[in-house]
Amino acid sequence: MSVNAVPAKPARAAQKGQQTKAVIVDAALALAAQIGLEGLSIGAVAEITKMSKSGVFAHFGSREELQISV
């Protein structure tokens, strides 16, 4: 196998994951500005971003982790 045959998929997946995480943080920041950090929930952010709760949990393991990122 040549060096050029190495697939670039993992890099693309990582980049997409970073973009998704940025979208989640932006939505959480906007929501926290409206309702306060204590009112921030995974469910509300999932609804705003049109993601599932488990999709948001894949990037942030807990509500607290999301709050810290905001």
PDB file of N, CA and C in Angstrom:
ATOM      1  N   MET A   1       0.853  -1.174   0.000  1.00  0.00           N
ATOM      2  CA  MET A   1       0.000   0.000   0.000  1.00  0.00           C
ATOM      3  C   MET A   1       0.898   1.236   0.000  1.00  0.00           C
ATOM      4  N   SER A   2       0.580   2.189  -0.843  1.00  0.00           N
ATOM      5  CA  SER A   2       1.375   3.412  -0.912  1.00  0.00           C
ATOM      6  C   SER A   2       0.900   4.415   0.126  1.00  0.00           C
ATOM      7  N   VAL A   3       1.714   5.416   0.348  1.00  0.00           N
ATOM      8  CA  VAL A   3       1.383   6.464   1.317  1.00  0.00           C
ATOM      9  C   VAL A   3       0.142   7.224   0.876  1.00  0.00           C
ATOM     10  N   ASN A   4      -0.051   7.383  -0.407  1.00  0.00           N
ATOM     11  CA  ASN A   4      -1.200   8.125  -0.936  1.00  0.00           C
ATOM     12  C   ASN A   4      -2.509   7.370  -0.780  1.00  0.00           C
ATOM     13  N   ALA A   5      -2.457   6.096  -0.470  1.00  0.00           N
ATOM     14  CA  ALA A   5      -3.665   5.296  -0.353  1.00  0.00           C
ATOM     15  C   ALA A   5      -4.330   5.413   1.016  1.00  0.00           C
ATOM     16  N   VAL A   6      -3.766   6.175   1.918  1.00  0.00           N
ATOM     17  CA  VAL A   6      -4.340   6.344   3.254  1.00  0.00           C
ATOM     18  C   VAL A   6      -5.611   7.177   3.146  1.00  0.00           C
ATOM     19  N   PRO A   7      -6.733   6.638   3.603  1.00  0.00           N
ATOM     20  CA  PRO A   7      -7.994   7.388   3.504  1.00  0.00           C
ATOM     21  C   PRO A   7      -8.009   8.610   4.415  1.00  0.00           C
ATOM     22  N   ALA A   8      -8.694   9.653   3.964  1.00  0.00           N
ATOM     23  CA  ALA A   8      -8.785  10.900   4.724  1.00  0.00           C
ATOM     24  C   ALA A   8     -10.049  10.955   5.566  1.00  0.00           C
ATOM     25  N   LYS A   9     -10.802   9.872   5.611  1.00  0.00           N
ATOM     26  CA  LYS A   9     -12.072   9.857   6.323  1.00  0.00           C
ATOM     27  C   LYS A   9     -11.972  10.271   7.789  1.00  0.00           C
ATOM     28  N   PRO A  10     -11.039   9.730   8.567  1.00  0.00           N
ATOM     29  CA  PRO A  10     -10.982  10.130   9.983  1.00  0.00           C
ATOM     30  C   PRO A  10     -10.809  11.637  10.175  1.00  0.00           C
ATOM     31  N   ALA A  11     -10.026  12.268   9.331  1.00  0.00           N
ATOM     32  CA  ALA A  11      -9.836  13.718   9.446  1.00  0.00           C
ATOM     33  C   ALA A  11     -11.138  14.451   9.153  1.00  0.00           C
ATOM     34  N   ARG A  12     -11.856  13.992   8.146  1.00  0.00           N
ATOM     35  CA  ARG A  12     -13.146  14.625   7.819  1.00  0.00           C
ATOM     36  C   ARG A  12     -14.153  14.427   8.941  1.00  0.00           C
ATOM     37  N   ALA A  13     -14.174  13.240   9.500  1.00  0.00           N
ATOM     38  CA  ALA A  13     -15.100  12.960  10.599  1.00  0.00           C
ATOM     39  C   ALA A  13     -14.778  13.829  11.806  1.00  0.00           C
ATOM     40  N   ALA A  14     -13.505  13.993  12.095  1.00  0.00           N
ATOM     41  CA  ALA A  14     -13.104  14.843  13.221  1.00  0.00           C
ATOM     42  C   ALA A  14     -13.492  16.289  12.967  1.00  0.00           C
ATOM     43  N   GLN A  15     -13.306  16.741  11.733  1.00  0.00           N
ATOM     44  CA  GLN A  15     -13.659  18.118  11.387  1.00  0.00           C
ATOM     45  C   GLN A  15     -15.167  18.323  11.506  1.00  0.00           C
ATOM     46  N   LYS A  16     -15.956  17.361  11.035  1.00  0.00           N
ATOM     47  CA  LYS A  16     -17.409  17.470  11.141  1.00  0.00           C
ATOM     48  C   LYS A  16     -17.835  17.480  12.607  1.00  0.00           C
ATOM     49  N   GLY A  17     -17.178  16.649  13.423  1.00  0.00           N
ATOM     50  CA  GLY A  17     -17.486  16.618  14.851  1.00  0.00           C
ATOM     51  C   GLY A  17     -17.202  17.950  15.520  1.00  0.00           C
ATOM     52  N   GLN A  18     -16.099  18.579  15.129  1.00  0.00           N
ATOM     53  CA  GLN A  18     -15.757  19.893  15.684  1.00  0.00           C
ATOM     54  C   GLN A  18     -16.772  20.945  15.249  1.00  0.00           C
ATOM     55  N   GLN A  19     -17.223  20.853  14.005  1.00  0.00           N
ATOM     56  CA  GLN A  19     -18.222  21.804  13.514  1.00  0.00           C
ATOM     57  C   GLN A  19     -19.540  21.624  14.256  1.00  0.00           C
ATOM     58  N   THR A  20     -19.940  20.377  14.462  1.00  0.00           N
ATOM     59  CA  THR A  20     -21.177  20.101  15.191  1.00  0.00           C
ATOM     60  C   THR A  20     -21.081  20.605  16.625  1.00  0.00           C
ATOM     61  N   LYS A  21     -19.948  20.383  17.254  1.00  0.00           N
ATOM     62  CA  LYS A  21     -19.752  20.857  18.627  1.00  0.00           C
ATOM     63  C   LYS A  21     -19.839  22.378  18.681  1.00  0.00           C
ATOM     64  N   ALA A  22     -19.290  23.058  17.682  1.00  0.00           N
ATOM     65  CA  ALA A  22     -19.356  24.522  17.630  1.00  0.00           C
ATOM     66  C   ALA A  22     -20.799  24.995  17.469  1.00  0.00           C
ATOM     67  N   VAL A  23     -21.584  24.293  16.660  1.00  0.00           N
ATOM     68  CA  VAL A  23     -23.002  24.640  16.484  1.00  0.00           C
ATOM     69  C   VAL A  23     -23.739  24.489  17.814  1.00  0.00           C
ATOM     70  N   ILE A  24     -23.455  23.420  18.534  1.00  0.00           N
ATOM     71  CA  ILE A  24     -24.092  23.182  19.833  1.00  0.00           C
ATOM     72  C   ILE A  24     -23.722  24.286  20.825  1.00  0.00           C
ATOM     73  N   VAL A  25     -22.450  24.636  20.884  1.00  0.00           N
ATOM     74  CA  VAL A  25     -22.000  25.682  21.814  1.00  0.00           C
ATOM     75  C   VAL A  25     -22.635  27.021  21.459  1.00  0.00           C
ATOM     76  N   ASP A  26     -22.706  27.350  20.171  1.00  0.00           N
ATOM     77  CA  ASP A  26     -23.333  28.610  19.754  1.00  0.00           C
ATOM     78  C   ASP A  26     -24.800  28.656  20.168  1.00  0.00           C
ATOM     79  N   ALA A  27     -25.510  27.556  19.955  1.00  0.00           N
ATOM     80  CA  ALA A  27     -26.922  27.500  20.337  1.00  0.00           C
ATOM     81  C   ALA A  27     -27.075  27.591  21.852  1.00  0.00           C
ATOM     82  N   ALA A  28     -26.214  26.900  22.580  1.00  0.00           N
ATOM     83  CA  ALA A  28     -26.274  26.933  24.043  1.00  0.00           C
ATOM     84  C   ALA A  28     -25.969  28.325  24.573  1.00  0.00           C
ATOM     85  N   LEU A  29     -25.028  28.997  23.960  1.00  0.00           N
ATOM     86  CA  LEU A  29     -24.680  30.358  24.370  1.00  0.00           C
ATOM     87  C   LEU A  29     -25.859  31.308  24.152  1.00  0.00           C
ATOM     88  N   ALA A  30     -26.497  31.197  22.998  1.00  0.00           N
ATOM     89  CA  ALA A  30     -27.659  32.044  22.709  1.00  0.00           C
ATOM     90  C   ALA A  30     -28.795  31.756  23.688  1.00  0.00           C
ATOM     91  N   LEU A  31     -29.029  30.485  23.963  1.00  0.00           N
ATOM     92  CA  LEU A  31     -30.085  30.112  24.901  1.00  0.00           C
ATOM     93  C   LEU A  31     -29.760  30.585  26.313  1.00  0.00           C
ATOM     94  N   ALA A  32     -28.517  30.415  26.739  1.00  0.00           N
ATOM     95  CA  ALA A  32     -28.110  30.853  28.077  1.00  0.00           C
ATOM     96  C   ALA A  32     -28.233  32.363  28.222  1.00  0.00           C
ATOM     97  N   ALA A  33     -28.000  33.097  27.146  1.00  0.00           N
ATOM     98  CA  ALA A  33     -28.146  34.555  27.188  1.00  0.00           C
ATOM     99  C   ALA A  33     -29.606  34.946  27.417  1.00  0.00           C
ATOM    100  N   GLN A  34     -30.530  34.118  26.944  1.00  0.00           N
ATOM    101  CA  GLN A  34     -31.958  34.411  27.097  1.00  0.00           C
ATOM    102  C   GLN A  34     -32.511  33.955  28.439  1.00  0.00           C
ATOM    103  N   ILE A  35     -32.147  32.739  28.847  1.00  0.00           N
ATOM    104  CA  ILE A  35     -32.786  32.161  30.035  1.00  0.00           C
ATOM    105  C   ILE A  35     -31.846  31.959  31.214  1.00  0.00           C
ATOM    106  N   GLY A  36     -30.577  32.218  31.008  1.00  0.00           N
ATOM    107  CA  GLY A  36     -29.599  32.032  32.076  1.00  0.00           C
ATOM    108  C   GLY A  36     -28.948  30.661  32.015  1.00  0.00           C
ATOM    109  N   LEU A  37     -27.765  30.579  32.539  1.00  0.00           N
ATOM    110  CA  LEU A  37     -26.988  29.344  32.496  1.00  0.00           C
ATOM    111  C   LEU A  37     -27.664  28.213  33.267  1.00  0.00           C
ATOM    112  N   GLU A  38     -28.329  28.538  34.363  1.00  0.00           N
ATOM    113  CA  GLU A  38     -28.998  27.510  35.166  1.00  0.00           C
ATOM    114  C   GLU A  38     -30.172  26.879  34.426  1.00  0.00           C
ATOM    115  N   GLY A  39     -30.777  27.615  33.511  1.00  0.00           N
ATOM    116  CA  GLY A  39     -31.906  27.092  32.754  1.00  0.00           C
ATOM    117  C   GLY A  39     -31.509  26.277  31.539  1.00  0.00           C
ATOM    118  N   LEU A  40     -30.229  26.247  31.244  1.00  0.00           N
ATOM    119  CA  LEU A  40     -29.721  25.540  30.078  1.00  0.00           C
ATOM    120  C   LEU A  40     -29.900  24.034  30.248  1.00  0.00           C
ATOM    121  N   SER A  41     -30.475  23.383  29.247  1.00  0.00           N
ATOM    122  CA  SER A  41     -30.651  21.934  29.313  1.00  0.00           C
ATOM    123  C   SER A  41     -30.247  21.296  27.991  1.00  0.00           C
ATOM    124  N   ILE A  42     -29.849  20.041  28.071  1.00  0.00           N
ATOM    125  CA  ILE A  42     -29.480  19.283  26.876  1.00  0.00           C
ATOM    126  C   ILE A  42     -30.683  19.209  25.930  1.00  0.00           C
ATOM    127  N   GLY A  43     -31.857  18.989  26.478  1.00  0.00           N
ATOM    128  CA  GLY A  43     -33.068  18.877  25.667  1.00  0.00           C
ATOM    129  C   GLY A  43     -33.380  20.147  24.900  1.00  0.00           C
ATOM    130  N   ALA A  44     -33.254  21.287  25.560  1.00  0.00           N
ATOM    131  CA  ALA A  44     -33.533  22.564  24.898  1.00  0.00           C
ATOM    132  C   ALA A  44     -32.527  22.835  23.784  1.00  0.00           C
ATOM    133  N   VAL A  45     -31.267  22.536  24.044  1.00  0.00           N
ATOM    134  CA  VAL A  45     -30.233  22.740  23.023  1.00  0.00           C
ATOM    135  C   VAL A  45     -30.458  21.777  21.860  1.00  0.00           C
ATOM    136  N   ALA A  46     -30.833  20.547  22.167  1.00  0.00           N
ATOM    137  CA  ALA A  46     -31.114  19.568  21.115  1.00  0.00           C
ATOM    138  C   ALA A  46     -32.259  20.049  20.225  1.00  0.00           C
ATOM    139  N   GLU A  47     -33.278  20.609  20.841  1.00  0.00           N
ATOM    140  CA  GLU A  47     -34.424  21.109  20.080  1.00  0.00           C
ATOM    141  C   GLU A  47     -34.018  22.260  19.165  1.00  0.00           C
ATOM    142  N   ILE A  48     -33.238  23.189  19.671  1.00  0.00           N
ATOM    143  CA  ILE A  48     -32.801  24.347  18.884  1.00  0.00           C
ATOM    144  C   ILE A  48     -31.939  23.918  17.701  1.00  0.00           C
ATOM    145  N   THR A  49     -31.052  22.960  17.942  1.00  0.00           N
ATOM    146  CA  THR A  49     -30.122  22.528  16.894  1.00  0.00           C
ATOM    147  C   THR A  49     -30.718  21.448  15.993  1.00  0.00           C
ATOM    148  N   LYS A  50     -31.946  21.024  16.308  1.00  0.00           N
ATOM    149  CA  LYS A  50     -32.622  19.958  15.563  1.00  0.00           C
ATOM    150  C   LYS A  50     -31.820  18.653  15.601  1.00  0.00           C
ATOM    151  N   MET A  51     -31.236  18.412  16.770  1.00  0.00           N
ATOM    152  CA  MET A  51     -30.497  17.177  17.015  1.00  0.00           C
ATOM    153  C   MET A  51     -31.243  16.367  18.067  1.00  0.00           C
ATOM    154  N   SER A  52     -30.863  15.113  18.194  1.00  0.00           N
ATOM    155  CA  SER A  52     -31.409  14.307  19.283  1.00  0.00           C
ATOM    156  C   SER A  52     -30.635  14.624  20.567  1.00  0.00           C
ATOM    157  N   LYS A  53     -31.249  14.320  21.693  1.00  0.00           N
ATOM    158  CA  LYS A  53     -30.545  14.517  22.965  1.00  0.00           C
ATOM    159  C   LYS A  53     -29.273  13.676  22.996  1.00  0.00           C
ATOM    160  N   SER A  54     -29.368  12.449  22.487  1.00  0.00           N
ATOM    161  CA  SER A  54     -28.184  11.584  22.493  1.00  0.00           C
ATOM    162  C   SER A  54     -27.086  12.138  21.595  1.00  0.00           C
ATOM    163  N   GLY A  55     -27.468  12.858  20.539  1.00  0.00           N
ATOM    164  CA  GLY A  55     -26.477  13.503  19.681  1.00  0.00           C
ATOM    165  C   GLY A  55     -25.720  14.591  20.419  1.00  0.00           C
ATOM    166  N   VAL A  56     -26.435  15.364  21.224  1.00  0.00           N
ATOM    167  CA  VAL A  56     -25.784  16.405  22.024  1.00  0.00           C
ATOM    168  C   VAL A  56     -24.927  15.752  23.109  1.00  0.00           C
ATOM    169  N   PHE A  57     -25.456  14.689  23.733  1.00  0.00           N
ATOM    170  CA  PHE A  57     -24.691  13.980  24.762  1.00  0.00           C
ATOM    171  C   PHE A  57     -23.411  13.365  24.208  1.00  0.00           C
ATOM    172  N   ALA A  58     -23.391  13.039  22.921  1.00  0.00           N
ATOM    173  CA  ALA A  58     -22.180  12.474  22.313  1.00  0.00           C
ATOM    174  C   ALA A  58     -21.031  13.481  22.336  1.00  0.00           C
ATOM    175  N   HIS A  59     -21.378  14.770  22.300  1.00  0.00           N
ATOM    176  CA  HIS A  59     -20.359  15.825  22.307  1.00  0.00           C
ATOM    177  C   HIS A  59     -20.102  16.364  23.708  1.00  0.00           C
ATOM    178  N   PHE A  60     -21.122  16.333  24.541  1.00  0.00           N
ATOM    179  CA  PHE A  60     -21.027  16.818  25.919  1.00  0.00           C
ATOM    180  C   PHE A  60     -21.650  15.757  26.810  1.00  0.00           C
ATOM    181  N   GLY A  61     -20.875  15.178  27.664  1.00  0.00           N
ATOM    182  CA  GLY A  61     -21.331  14.060  28.479  1.00  0.00           C
ATOM    183  C   GLY A  61     -22.369  14.399  29.528  1.00  0.00           C
ATOM    184  N   SER A  62     -22.530  15.687  29.821  1.00  0.00           N
ATOM    185  CA  SER A  62     -23.488  16.090  30.846  1.00  0.00           C
ATOM    186  C   SER A  62     -23.894  17.548  30.636  1.00  0.00           C
ATOM    187  N   ARG A  63     -24.943  17.917  31.326  1.00  0.00           N
ATOM    188  CA  ARG A  63     -25.403  19.309  31.296  1.00  0.00           C
ATOM    189  C   ARG A  63     -24.312  20.227  31.839  1.00  0.00           C
ATOM    190  N   GLU A  64     -23.656  19.766  32.885  1.00  0.00           N
ATOM    191  CA  GLU A  64     -22.600  20.562  33.507  1.00  0.00           C
ATOM    192  C   GLU A  64     -21.436  20.794  32.544  1.00  0.00           C
ATOM    193  N   GLU A  65     -21.077  19.768  31.799  1.00  0.00           N
ATOM    194  CA  GLU A  65     -19.995  19.911  30.821  1.00  0.00           C
ATOM    195  C   GLU A  65     -20.378  20.932  29.745  1.00  0.00           C
ATOM    196  N   LEU A  66     -21.635  20.910  29.330  1.00  0.00           N
ATOM    197  CA  LEU A  66     -22.121  21.888  28.359  1.00  0.00           C
ATOM    198  C   LEU A  66     -22.073  23.292  28.953  1.00  0.00           C
ATOM    199  N   GLN A  67     -22.514  23.439  30.196  1.00  0.00           N
ATOM    200  CA  GLN A  67     -22.488  24.745  30.851  1.00  0.00           C
ATOM    201  C   GLN A  67     -21.062  25.280  30.962  1.00  0.00           C
ATOM    202  N   ILE A  68     -20.118  24.426  31.285  1.00  0.00           N
ATOM    203  CA  ILE A  68     -18.720  24.851  31.390  1.00  0.00           C
ATOM    204  C   ILE A  68     -18.204  25.330  30.041  1.00  0.00           C
ATOM    205  N   SER A  69     -18.617  24.670  28.973  1.00  0.00           N
ATOM    206  CA  SER A  69     -18.168  25.057  27.628  1.00  0.00           C
ATOM    207  C   SER A  69     -18.737  26.394  27.191  1.00  0.00           C
ATOM    208  N   VAL A  70     -19.907  26.718  27.727  1.00  0.00           N
ATOM    209  CA  VAL A  70     -20.543  27.993  27.387  1.00  0.00           C
ATOM    210  C   VAL A  70     -19.880  29.081  28.191  1.00  0.00           C
TER     211      VAL A  70
END
